[in-house]
C-alpha atoms as a PDB file:
ATOM      1  CA  UNK A   1      -9.104  10.331 -28.383  1.00  0.00           C
ATOM      2  CA  UNK A   2      -9.994  10.099 -24.696  1.00  0.00           C
ATOM      3  CA  UNK A   3      -7.179   9.562 -22.233  1.00  0.00           C
ATOM      4  CA  UNK A   4      -7.585   8.079 -18.785  1.00  0.00           C
ATOM      5  CA  UNK A   5      -5.051   8.177 -15.983  1.00  0.00           C
ATOM      6  CA  UNK A   6      -5.093   4.725 -14.440  1.00  0.00           C
ATOM      7  CA  UNK A   7      -3.850   4.372 -10.876  1.00  0.00           C
ATOM      8  CA  UNK A   8      -2.211   1.143  -9.779  1.00  0.00           C
ATOM      9  CA  UNK A   9      -5.313  -0.265  -8.087  1.00  0.00           C
ATOM     10  CA  UNK A  10      -7.299   0.118 -11.307  1.00  0.00           C
ATOM     11  CA  UNK A  11      -4.367  -1.216 -13.329  1.00  0.00           C
ATOM     12  CA  UNK A  12      -4.221  -4.357 -11.169  1.00  0.00           C
ATOM     13  CA  UNK A  13      -7.863  -5.071 -12.005  1.00  0.00           C
ATOM     14  CA  UNK A  14      -6.780  -5.743 -15.587  1.00  0.00           C
ATOM     15  CA  UNK A  15      -4.536  -8.596 -14.435  1.00  0.00           C
ATOM     16  CA  UNK A  16      -6.342 -10.129 -11.469  1.00  0.00           C
ATOM     17  CA  UNK A  17     -10.114 -10.404 -11.462  1.00  0.00           C
ATOM     18  CA  UNK A  18     -11.971  -8.514  -8.791  1.00  0.00           C
ATOM     19  CA  UNK A  19     -14.594  -5.857  -8.272  1.00  0.00           C
ATOM     20  CA  UNK A  20     -14.179  -3.348 -11.078  1.00  0.00           C
ATOM     21  CA  UNK A  21     -12.321  -5.675 -13.475  1.00  0.00           C
ATOM     22  CA  UNK A  22     -15.194  -5.761 -15.971  1.00  0.00           C
ATOM     23  CA  UNK A  23     -15.419  -1.965 -15.977  1.00  0.00           C
ATOM     24  CA  UNK A  24     -11.683  -1.628 -16.588  1.00  0.00           C
ATOM     25  CA  UNK A  25     -11.788  -4.164 -19.434  1.00  0.00           C
ATOM     26  CA  UNK A  26     -14.662  -2.328 -21.118  1.00  0.00           C
ATOM     27  CA  UNK A  27     -12.761   0.936 -20.753  1.00  0.00           C
ATOM     28  CA  UNK A  28      -9.592  -0.411 -22.351  1.00  0.00           C
ATOM     29  CA  UNK A  29     -11.527  -2.088 -25.163  1.00  0.00           C
ATOM     30  CA  UNK A  30     -13.161   1.189 -26.237  1.00  0.00           C
ATOM     31  CA  UNK A  31     -11.718   2.284 -29.591  1.00  0.00           C
ATOM     32  CA  UNK A  32      -9.089   5.010 -29.377  1.00  0.00           C
ATOM     33  CA  UNK A  33      -8.801   4.992 -25.589  1.00  0.00           C
ATOM     34  CA  UNK A  34      -5.405   6.054 -24.199  1.00  0.00           C
ATOM     35  CA  UNK A  35      -4.444   4.563 -20.860  1.00  0.00           C
ATOM     36  CA  UNK A  36      -1.953   6.722 -19.012  1.00  0.00           C
ATOM     37  CA  UNK A  37       0.071   5.405 -16.095  1.00  0.00           C
ATOM     38  CA  UNK A  38       2.768   6.948 -13.961  1.00  0.00           C
ATOM     39  CA  UNK A  39       6.278   5.559 -14.057  1.00  0.00           C
ATOM     40  CA  UNK A  40       5.657   4.741 -10.376  1.00  0.00           C
ATOM     41  CA  UNK A  41       3.072   2.211 -11.533  1.00  0.00           C
ATOM     42  CA  UNK A  42       5.881   0.084 -12.974  1.00  0.00           C
ATOM     43  CA  UNK A  43       7.059  -0.519  -9.409  1.00  0.00           C
ATOM     44  CA  UNK A  44       3.719  -0.366  -7.626  1.00  0.00           C
ATOM     45  CA  UNK A  45       2.079  -3.049  -9.802  1.00  0.00           C
ATOM     46  CA  UNK A  46       4.849  -5.476  -8.913  1.00  0.00           C
ATOM     47  CA  UNK A  47       4.270  -4.705  -5.243  1.00  0.00           C
ATOM     48  CA  UNK A  48       0.549  -5.406  -5.689  1.00  0.00           C
ATOM     49  CA  UNK A  49       1.329  -8.746  -7.341  1.00  0.00           C
ATOM     50  CA  UNK A  50       3.859  -9.641  -4.611  1.00  0.00           C
ATOM     51  CA  UNK A  51       1.299  -8.794  -1.901  1.00  0.00           C
ATOM     52  CA  UNK A  52      -1.149 -11.180  -3.543  1.00  0.00           C
ATOM     53  CA  UNK A  53       1.461 -13.963  -3.292  1.00  0.00           C
ATOM     54  CA  UNK A  54       2.398 -13.105   0.301  1.00  0.00           C
ATOM     55  CA  UNK A  55      -1.264 -13.133   1.381  1.00  0.00           C
ATOM     56  CA  UNK A  56      -1.985 -16.399  -0.416  1.00  0.00           C
ATOM     57  CA  UNK A  57      -4.330 -14.936  -3.027  1.00  0.00           C
ATOM     58  CA  UNK A  58      -2.155 -16.240  -5.886  1.00  0.00           C
ATOM     59  CA  UNK A  59       0.827 -18.581  -6.162  1.00  0.00           C
ATOM     60  CA  UNK A  60       4.352 -17.771  -7.319  1.00  0.00           C
ATOM     61  CA  UNK A  61       3.689 -19.205 -10.785  1.00  0.00           C
ATOM     62  CA  UNK A  62       0.777 -16.781 -11.165  1.00  0.00           C
ATOM     63  CA  UNK A  63       3.083 -13.954 -10.077  1.00  0.00           C
ATOM     64  CA  UNK A  64       5.441 -14.676 -12.965  1.00  0.00           C
ATOM     65  CA  UNK A  65       2.489 -14.878 -15.351  1.00  0.00           C
ATOM     66  CA  UNK A  66       1.015 -11.546 -14.182  1.00  0.00           C
ATOM     67  CA  UNK A  67       4.381  -9.807 -14.454  1.00  0.00           C
ATOM     68  CA  UNK A  68       4.832 -11.243 -17.927  1.00  0.00           C
ATOM     69  CA  UNK A  69       1.402 -10.072 -19.054  1.00  0.00           C
ATOM     70  CA  UNK A  70       1.938  -6.596 -17.676  1.00  0.00           C
ATOM     71  CA  UNK A  71       5.356  -6.112 -19.269  1.00  0.00           C
ATOM     72  CA  UNK A  72       4.082  -7.584 -22.547  1.00  0.00           C
ATOM     73  CA  UNK A  73       1.250  -5.041 -22.549  1.00  0.00           C
ATOM     74  CA  UNK A  74       3.783  -2.326 -21.779  1.00  0.00           C
ATOM     75  CA  UNK A  75       5.973  -3.427 -24.709  1.00  0.00           C
ATOM     76  CA  UNK A  76       2.919  -3.456 -26.989  1.00  0.00           C
ATOM     77  CA  UNK A  77       2.169   0.162 -26.091  1.00  0.00           C
ATOM     78  CA  UNK A  78      -1.070  -0.569 -24.255  1.00  0.00           C
ATOM     79  CA  UNK A  79      -0.120   2.114 -21.736  1.00  0.00           C
ATOM     80  CA  UNK A  80       1.374   5.543 -22.081  1.00  0.00           C
ATOM     81  CA  UNK A  81       3.907   5.925 -19.280  1.00  0.00           C
ATOM     82  CA  UNK A  82       4.229   9.443 -17.890  1.00  0.00           C
ATOM     83  CA  UNK A  83       7.605  10.293 -16.417  1.00  0.00           C
ATOM     84  CA  UNK A  84       7.489  12.340 -13.263  1.00  0.00           C
ATOM     85  CA  UNK A  85       9.279  15.661 -13.167  1.00  0.00           C
ATOM     86  CA  UNK A  86       9.959  18.066 -10.320  1.00  0.00           C
ATOM     87  CA  UNK A  87       6.811  20.028 -11.201  1.00  0.00           C
ATOM     88  CA  UNK A  88       4.705  16.886 -10.679  1.00  0.00           C
ATOM     89  CA  UNK A  89       6.039  16.480  -7.155  1.00  0.00           C
ATOM     90  CA  UNK A  90       5.440  20.163  -6.450  1.00  0.00           C
ATOM     91  CA  UNK A  91       1.865  19.872  -7.704  1.00  0.00           C
ATOM     92  CA  UNK A  92       1.373  16.709  -5.632  1.00  0.00           C
ATOM     93  CA  UNK A  93       2.519  18.554  -2.529  1.00  0.00           C
ATOM     94  CA  UNK A  94       0.034  21.334  -3.244  1.00  0.00           C
ATOM     95  CA  UNK A  95      -2.780  18.808  -3.684  1.00  0.00           C
ATOM     96  CA  UNK A  96      -1.900  17.070  -0.409  1.00  0.00           C
ATOM     97  CA  UNK A  97      -1.732  20.359   1.502  1.00  0.00           C
ATOM     98  CA  UNK A  98      -5.020  21.547   0.012  1.00  0.00           C
ATOM     99  CA  UNK A  99      -7.163  18.404  -0.046  1.00  0.00           C
ATOM    100  CA  UNK A 100      -5.756  15.588   2.120  1.00  0.00           C
ATOM    101  CA  UNK A 101      -7.350  16.811   5.342  1.00  0.00           C
ATOM    102  CA  UNK A 102     -10.873  16.589   3.920  1.00  0.00           C
ATOM    103  CA  UNK A 103     -10.420  13.779   1.355  1.00  0.00           C
ATOM    104  CA  UNK A 104      -8.686  10.413   1.311  1.00  0.00           C
ATOM    105  CA  UNK A 105      -5.831  11.622  -0.854  1.00  0.00           C
ATOM    106  CA  UNK A 106      -2.579   9.774  -0.307  1.00  0.00           C
ATOM    107  CA  UNK A 107       0.913  10.675  -1.460  1.00  0.00           C
ATOM    108  CA  UNK A 108       1.084   8.481  -4.534  1.00  0.00           C
ATOM    109  CA  UNK A 109      -2.500   9.341  -5.501  1.00  0.00           C
ATOM    110  CA  UNK A 110      -1.473  12.973  -5.778  1.00  0.00           C
ATOM    111  CA  UNK A 111       1.695  12.424  -7.834  1.00  0.00           C
END
């Protein structure tokens, strides 16, 4: 069963249509696909939704709907949430030190 780590930007495409939304939907519809998210995504996705309200992309009613959909999917087991341990932060630091100068690797991308 294939597993895919989904960062928050990709995750948001499942809840608000944009470039890449169709690709994400086809990925999650594939039989046996595991979608893996970081526990940080539980906070980050809400920030993404809030930014969409603040910038006028969606209204507050849509914010409540998106949050509800996300947490419903979480309750249904659509995502496997990976808890971060000390070793993850240590590995993230190594990745940043090694690759961030030459590649657009940000802190939360590495964790």
